[in-house]
Protein backbone atom coordinates (compact mmCIF):
# COMPACT_ATOMS: atom_id res chain seq x y z
CA UNK A 1 6.06 -3.88 17.88
CA UNK A 2 3.95 -1.12 17.87
CA UNK A 3 0.26 -0.56 17.63
CA UNK A 4 -0.42 2.65 16.74
CA UNK A 5 1.51 5.76 15.58
CA UNK A 6 0.23 8.30 18.21
CA UNK A 7 1.75 7.56 21.33
CA UNK A 8 5.06 6.66 20.35
CA UNK A 9 5.50 9.85 17.97
CA UNK A 10 4.25 12.36 20.42
CA UNK A 11 6.41 11.07 23.02
CA UNK A 12 9.57 11.05 20.60
CA UNK A 13 8.61 14.40 18.42
CA UNK A 14 9.13 16.17 21.92
CA UNK A 15 12.35 14.53 22.14
CA UNK A 16 13.34 15.48 19.14
CA UNK A 17 12.02 19.36 19.72
CA UNK A 18 14.29 19.66 22.79
CA UNK A 19 17.62 18.49 21.64
CA UNK A 20 17.25 20.15 17.82
CA UNK A 21 19.10 23.14 18.90
CA UNK A 22 22.07 20.32 19.65
CA UNK A 23 21.79 18.30 16.79
CA UNK A 24 24.47 18.45 14.01
CA UNK A 25 22.95 19.71 10.65
CA UNK A 26 23.65 16.16 9.13
CA UNK A 27 21.27 14.57 11.79
CA UNK A 28 18.01 14.98 10.43
CA UNK A 29 14.68 14.91 13.40
CA UNK A 30 13.43 11.64 11.93
CA UNK A 31 16.83 9.66 12.74
CA UNK A 32 15.51 10.42 16.29
CA UNK A 33 11.75 10.73 15.61
CA UNK A 34 12.15 6.99 14.07
CA UNK A 35 15.01 5.70 16.11
CA UNK A 36 13.61 1.86 16.73
CA UNK A 37 13.67 1.88 12.80
CA UNK A 38 16.90 1.03 10.70
CA UNK A 39 17.18 3.36 8.12
CA UNK A 40 18.13 2.53 5.01
CA UNK A 41 21.04 3.77 2.50
CA UNK A 42 18.52 4.83 -0.09
CA UNK A 43 16.37 7.64 -1.04
CA UNK A 44 14.71 9.83 -3.32
CA UNK A 45 16.22 8.82 -6.66
CA UNK A 46 16.96 5.08 -5.96
CA UNK A 47 15.72 2.39 -8.35
CA UNK A 48 13.61 -0.58 -7.38
CA UNK A 49 16.59 -1.88 -9.24
CA UNK A 50 19.13 -0.84 -6.95
CA UNK A 51 16.82 -2.02 -4.11
CA UNK A 52 16.89 -6.05 -5.27
CA UNK A 53 20.40 -6.19 -6.52
CA UNK A 54 22.07 -8.45 -4.24
CA UNK A 55 18.91 -9.66 -2.85
CA UNK A 56 18.18 -13.98 -3.35
CA UNK A 57 14.21 -13.69 -3.64
CA UNK A 58 14.31 -17.40 -4.16
CA UNK A 59 11.23 -19.39 -2.36
CA UNK A 60 9.44 -15.96 -1.82
CA UNK A 61 5.64 -15.91 -2.83
CA UNK A 62 4.55 -12.00 -3.42
CA UNK A 63 1.22 -11.08 -4.46
CA UNK A 64 0.97 -7.89 -6.35
CA UNK A 65 -2.23 -6.32 -7.36
CA UNK A 66 -2.38 -4.11 -10.61
CA UNK A 67 0.54 -6.00 -11.83
CA UNK A 68 0.14 -4.51 -15.63
CA UNK A 69 1.35 -1.49 -15.26
CA UNK A 70 3.02 1.68 -13.65
CA UNK A 71 4.77 0.71 -10.13
CA UNK A 72 2.65 -2.62 -10.04
CA UNK A 73 4.61 -3.63 -13.46
CA UNK A 74 8.04 -2.37 -12.00
CA UNK A 75 7.59 -4.08 -8.77
CA UNK A 76 6.18 -7.30 -10.87
CA UNK A 77 9.36 -7.34 -13.14
CA UNK A 78 12.27 -6.73 -10.27
CA UNK A 79 11.20 -9.42 -8.18
CA UNK A 80 10.30 -11.67 -10.29
CA UNK A 81 13.92 -11.42 -11.46
CA UNK A 82 15.13 -11.64 -8.43
CA UNK A 83 13.86 -15.55 -7.88
CA UNK A 84 10.33 -14.42 -6.43
CA UNK A 85 7.30 -16.19 -7.29
CA UNK A 86 5.36 -13.60 -8.48
CA UNK A 87 1.38 -13.47 -8.34
CA UNK A 88 -0.10 -10.68 -10.54
CA UNK A 89 -3.00 -9.34 -10.31
CA UNK A 90 -4.63 -7.41 -12.91
CA UNK A 91 -8.26 -6.84 -13.62
CA UNK A 92 -8.53 -9.24 -16.34
CA UNK A 93 -7.44 -12.28 -17.07
CA UNK A 94 -5.48 -10.95 -20.47
CA UNK A 95 -3.67 -8.27 -18.45
CA UNK A 96 -2.50 -10.15 -16.28
CA UNK A 97 -1.13 -12.80 -18.22
CA UNK A 98 0.46 -10.15 -20.88
CA UNK A 99 2.17 -8.39 -17.54
CA UNK A 100 3.72 -11.49 -16.22
CA UNK A 101 4.49 -13.09 -19.29
CA UNK A 102 6.53 -10.25 -20.46
CA UNK A 103 9.12 -10.50 -17.26
CA UNK A 104 11.83 -12.90 -16.81
CA UNK A 105 11.13 -15.19 -13.92
CA UNK A 106 8.77 -17.31 -12.40
CA UNK A 107 5.02 -15.60 -12.38
CA UNK A 108 1.03 -16.40 -12.21
CA UNK A 109 -1.44 -14.30 -13.85
CA UNK A 110 -4.54 -14.09 -11.24
CA UNK A 111 -7.46 -11.22 -12.01
CA UNK A 112 -8.69 -9.19 -9.26
CA UNK A 113 -11.16 -6.76 -10.50
CA UNK A 114 -11.31 -5.02 -6.97
CA UNK A 115 -14.75 -3.18 -7.77
CA UNK A 116 -16.20 -6.44 -7.12
CA UNK A 117 -16.02 -8.21 -3.89
CA UNK A 118 -16.77 -11.58 -6.18
CA UNK A 119 -13.69 -11.14 -7.87
CA UNK A 120 -11.45 -10.24 -5.25
CA UNK A 121 -12.82 -13.21 -3.60
CA UNK A 122 -11.98 -15.39 -6.35
CA UNK A 123 -8.14 -14.11 -6.87
CA UNK A 124 -7.93 -15.12 -3.06
CA UNK A 125 -9.14 -18.44 -3.56
CA UNK A 126 -6.88 -18.87 -6.96
CA UNK A 127 -3.94 -17.82 -4.47
CA UNK A 128 -5.00 -19.91 -1.58
CA UNK A 129 -5.27 -23.12 -4.52
CA UNK A 130 -1.37 -22.61 -4.88
CA UNK A 131 -0.90 -24.22 -1.34
CA UNK A 132 1.78 -22.03 -0.25
CA UNK A 133 1.90 -19.25 2.30
CA UNK A 134 2.29 -15.74 0.92
CA UNK A 135 5.20 -13.94 1.95
CA UNK A 136 4.63 -10.33 0.60
CA UNK A 137 0.57 -8.69 -0.16
CA UNK A 138 1.48 -5.96 -2.02
CA UNK A 139 -2.09 -3.79 -2.20
CA UNK A 140 -0.67 -1.72 -5.00
CA UNK A 141 -3.64 -1.40 -7.78
CA UNK A 142 -5.28 2.21 -7.55
CA UNK A 143 -6.95 4.98 -9.09
CA UNK A 144 -7.20 8.77 -8.65
CA UNK A 145 -9.13 11.40 -8.87
CA UNK A 146 -11.82 10.43 -10.81
CA UNK A 147 -13.50 13.77 -12.24
CA UNK A 148 -16.92 12.72 -11.92
CA UNK A 149 -18.74 10.92 -9.02
CA UNK A 150 -18.57 7.37 -9.84
CA UNK A 151 -19.93 4.59 -7.53
CA UNK A 152 -20.28 0.83 -6.51
CA UNK A 153 -23.10 -1.36 -4.84
CA UNK A 154 -21.31 -3.42 -2.20
CA UNK A 155 -23.63 -5.83 -0.52
CA UNK A 156 -26.62 -3.57 -1.28
CA UNK A 157 -24.39 0.10 -0.21
CA UNK A 158 -23.39 2.42 -2.69
CA UNK A 159 -19.91 3.70 -1.83
CA UNK A 160 -18.05 6.14 -3.95
CA UNK A 161 -15.32 4.18 -6.46
CA UNK A 162 -12.02 5.29 -5.16
CA UNK A 163 -12.95 3.79 -1.67
CA UNK A 164 -13.99 0.42 -2.84
CA UNK A 165 -10.77 0.25 -4.91
CA UNK A 166 -8.02 1.62 -3.40
CA UNK A 167 -9.45 0.68 0.15
CA UNK A 168 -12.34 -1.95 0.20
CA UNK A 169 -11.19 -4.23 -1.93
CA UNK A 170 -8.07 -4.49 -0.40
CA UNK A 171 -9.47 -4.98 3.11
CA UNK A 172 -11.40 -8.21 2.06
CA UNK A 173 -7.86 -9.64 -0.32
CA UNK A 174 -5.86 -9.14 2.76
CA UNK A 175 -8.56 -10.26 5.57
CA UNK A 176 -9.05 -13.65 3.03
CA UNK A 177 -5.42 -14.05 2.79
CA UNK A 178 -4.74 -13.95 6.14
CA UNK A 179 -3.95 -17.45 6.98
CA UNK A 180 -1.55 -17.77 4.16
CA UNK A 181 -0.05 -14.33 5.20
CA UNK A 182 0.46 -15.77 8.80
CA UNK A 183 1.75 -19.08 7.51
CA UNK A 184 4.76 -17.33 6.04
CA UNK A 185 8.32 -17.02 8.07
CA UNK A 186 7.35 -13.60 8.10
CA UNK A 187 4.50 -12.17 5.98
CA UNK A 188 4.43 -8.64 4.96
CA UNK A 189 1.23 -6.35 3.60
CA UNK A 190 2.46 -3.67 2.18
CA UNK A 191 0.07 -1.25 1.28
CA UNK A 192 0.92 1.62 -1.69
CA UNK A 193 -0.67 4.90 -0.01
CA UNK A 194 0.09 8.59 -1.03
CA UNK A 195 1.31 12.06 0.30
CA UNK A 196 -2.83 12.37 -0.53
CA UNK A 197 -4.01 11.19 3.03
CA UNK A 198 -3.41 14.89 3.89
CA UNK A 199 -6.51 15.73 1.42
CA UNK A 200 -8.94 13.55 3.35
CA UNK A 201 -12.01 15.22 4.34
CA UNK A 202 -12.29 16.85 8.01
CA UNK A 203 -13.25 13.64 10.10
CA UNK A 204 -11.01 12.01 8.07
CA UNK A 205 -13.21 8.86 6.82
CA UNK A 206 -16.94 10.54 5.94
CA UNK A 207 -18.64 6.76 7.48
CA UNK A 208 -22.02 9.02 7.15
CA UNK A 209 -21.73 10.08 3.04
CA UNK A 210 -18.85 6.72 2.03
CA UNK A 211 -21.36 7.20 -1.09
CA UNK A 212 -20.07 11.34 -1.74
CA UNK A 213 -23.75 11.12 -2.88
CA UNK A 214 -23.27 14.91 -0.74
CA UNK A 215 -20.66 17.19 -1.93
CA UNK A 216 -18.06 15.02 -4.26
CA UNK A 217 -14.67 16.35 -4.37
CA UNK A 218 -12.51 14.14 -6.34
CA UNK A 219 -9.03 14.47 -4.46
CA UNK A 220 -11.29 14.45 -1.06
CA UNK A 221 -12.34 11.18 -2.27
CA UNK A 222 -8.83 10.06 -3.29
CA UNK A 223 -7.36 11.53 0.28
CA UNK A 224 -10.05 9.67 2.19
CA UNK A 225 -9.20 6.49 0.17
CA UNK A 226 -5.68 6.88 0.69
CA UNK A 227 -6.08 7.64 4.73
CA UNK A 228 -7.69 4.76 4.29
CA UNK A 229 -4.80 2.92 3.42
CA UNK A 230 -2.75 3.60 6.22
CA UNK A 231 -5.28 2.97 8.93
CA UNK A 232 -6.08 -0.55 7.17
CA UNK A 233 -2.16 -0.94 7.63
CA UNK A 234 -2.38 0.25 11.46
CA UNK A 235 -5.00 -1.82 12.67
CA UNK A 236 -3.72 -4.58 11.03
CA UNK A 237 -0.52 -4.32 13.08
CA UNK A 238 -2.61 -3.38 16.53
CA UNK A 239 -4.97 -6.53 15.77
CA UNK A 240 -2.55 -9.67 14.25
CA UNK A 241 1.30 -8.31 14.86
CA UNK A 242 3.24 -9.04 17.96
CA UNK A 243 3.45 -11.92 20.39
CA UNK A 244 3.83 -15.19 17.76
CA UNK A 245 3.18 -13.54 15.09
CA UNK A 246 5.59 -12.38 12.27
CA UNK A 247 2.76 -10.59 10.20
CA UNK A 248 3.57 -6.96 9.82
CA UNK A 249 1.78 -4.42 7.71
CA UNK A 250 3.16 -0.86 6.52
CA UNK A 251 2.43 1.50 4.39
CA UNK A 252 4.27 3.45 1.33
CA UNK A 253 3.87 6.68 -0.40
CA UNK A 254 5.64 6.27 -3.68
CA UNK A 255 6.10 9.88 -4.49
CA UNK A 256 4.55 11.79 -7.75
CA UNK A 257 5.18 9.09 -10.12
CA UNK A 258 4.58 9.20 -14.12
CA UNK A 259 2.30 6.73 -14.57
CA UNK A 260 -1.37 6.07 -15.67
CA UNK A 261 -2.94 7.13 -11.86
CA UNK A 262 -3.00 10.39 -13.24
CA UNK A 263 -4.08 10.07 -16.73
CA UNK A 264 -7.69 12.17 -15.33
CA UNK A 265 -5.62 15.00 -14.77
CA UNK A 266 -3.84 14.60 -18.11
CA UNK A 267 -7.17 14.66 -19.80
CA UNK A 268 -6.89 10.48 -20.34
CA UNK A 269 -3.36 11.06 -22.49
CA UNK A 270 -0.47 8.44 -21.93
CA UNK A 271 2.80 9.78 -20.82
CA UNK A 272 6.43 8.76 -21.36
CA UNK A 273 6.80 6.20 -18.18
CA UNK A 274 10.51 6.87 -18.28
CA UNK A 275 10.65 10.40 -17.64
CA UNK A 276 8.83 12.56 -14.79
CA UNK A 277 6.53 14.97 -15.21
CA UNK A 278 8.53 17.54 -13.82
CA UNK A 279 11.69 18.24 -11.40
CA UNK A 280 10.36 16.47 -8.09
CA UNK A 281 8.49 13.65 -9.63
CA UNK A 282 9.71 10.42 -9.88
CA UNK A 283 10.15 7.66 -13.03
CA UNK A 284 8.30 4.43 -12.39
CA UNK A 285 11.65 2.82 -11.44
CA UNK A 286 12.03 5.44 -8.41
CA UNK A 287 8.59 5.30 -7.58
CA UNK A 288 8.34 1.43 -6.91
CA UNK A 289 11.36 1.68 -5.25
CA UNK A 290 9.85 2.26 -1.79
CA UNK A 291 7.33 -0.31 -1.95
CA UNK A 292 10.12 -2.87 -2.89
CA UNK A 293 12.03 -2.10 -0.07
CA UNK A 294 9.23 -2.97 2.36
CA UNK A 295 8.83 -5.59 1.08
CA UNK A 296 11.88 -7.52 0.81
CA UNK A 297 14.30 -5.56 3.39
CA UNK A 298 15.38 -7.98 6.00
CA UNK A 299 16.01 -5.19 8.40
CA UNK A 300 12.56 -4.49 8.63
CA UNK A 301 11.80 -7.43 10.00
CA UNK A 302 8.87 -7.05 12.74
CA UNK A 303 8.60 -3.49 12.19
CA UNK A 304 4.91 -2.72 11.84
CA UNK A 305 2.23 0.49 11.58
CA UNK A 306 4.51 2.98 9.88
CA UNK A 307 4.45 4.62 6.19
CA UNK A 308 7.52 4.82 4.23
CA UNK A 309 8.72 7.42 1.92
CA UNK A 310 12.54 7.11 -0.19
CA UNK A 311 12.87 4.23 1.62
CA UNK A 312 12.94 5.54 4.94
CA UNK A 313 10.20 6.18 7.70
CA UNK A 314 8.11 9.24 7.14
CA UNK A 315 5.83 10.94 9.18
CA UNK A 316 2.30 11.15 8.47
CA UNK A 317 0.48 14.37 7.82
CA UNK A 318 -1.93 15.69 10.13
CA UNK A 319 -3.92 13.81 13.18
CA UNK A 320 -5.96 11.71 11.55
CA UNK A 321 -3.54 8.65 10.15
CA UNK A 322 -2.12 8.07 14.10
CA UNK A 323 -5.92 8.41 15.40
CA UNK A 324 -6.39 4.42 16.79
CA UNK A 325 -9.86 4.98 17.23
CA UNK A 326 -10.54 5.80 13.87
CA UNK A 327 -8.59 2.54 12.33
CA UNK A 328 -11.05 0.51 14.43
CA UNK A 329 -13.51 1.55 13.12
CA UNK A 330 -13.17 1.78 9.57
CA UNK A 331 -11.75 -1.91 10.13
CA UNK A 332 -15.27 -2.93 11.35
CA UNK A 333 -17.43 -1.13 9.05
CA UNK A 334 -15.28 -2.47 6.37
CA UNK A 335 -15.35 -6.04 7.15
CA UNK A 336 -19.45 -5.25 8.20
CA UNK A 337 -19.49 -4.31 4.17
CA UNK A 338 -17.57 -7.28 3.19
CA UNK A 339 -19.17 -9.69 5.15
CA UNK A 340 -20.92 -12.24 2.68
CA UNK A 341 -17.61 -12.78 1.30
CA UNK A 342 -15.56 -13.77 4.60
CA UNK A 343 -18.33 -16.57 4.94
């Protein structure tokens, strides 16, 4: 079990560099850097359907935020079809019900508007009312690169909207459902991050400018929120994984996918969901594969505090994502912001 990536990554990276010249061409550096994690047979082109093939998820309870479109909908569809009871969360009851009703399998629609901590807290209560452990919390919902600064008031504090939706609402939901996650045989928090975490501003998290009033830049704000996703999973690992706990937390990078997430870069125009935007990009079916894999594959029992892409562990970019002090501070600041809803 690993509390953070930094010390292990530095040590294993140095070993990899020392022996790289002796490796056969078919053995990649990642095979050494992540030698303690089973590697899957899946890759870039793998779809979520291929990941769940042969799995019987009967008895599993999986909560997915943003279930009504894109990667969340694909995850909802394939996990429910494989026998899981999927709790599909969306911004409105109508969206959640429509998504859940359109797939085969057992589903429960719930509302989770991530800009409203009241809504997040009510979502947690609705999940708790089911009286079942939660095997997987898939923190999938997100927004990207808002062209103009948008802000949300949380507990009297003005915050940039991407930080609230992508990170803060999910941290509150996770904290409120910790008991249900820990009650599962092997509870997992799977947070959809992005390679965009490398776009975070200098310092990683602008604790003195979480409103982004000072110099808003769309992709810096997005990068900060995606970095926050990774830091949150690392801190869950530090605080709650290991020992007698079977709880794990990992972050995923879906790749660049043709979903509504990129609508601001297309002037709000929709895209054909089954067609990649260009070479090197994925369909939603391919993009959802990694988060589904990290949610259900038994080979990852006990694996926590990692970042996955193409259904295998990857190294994060830059130094911030592996900074344990930054992860601890973010967790504490976030917990303070949502303190009224934790009572």
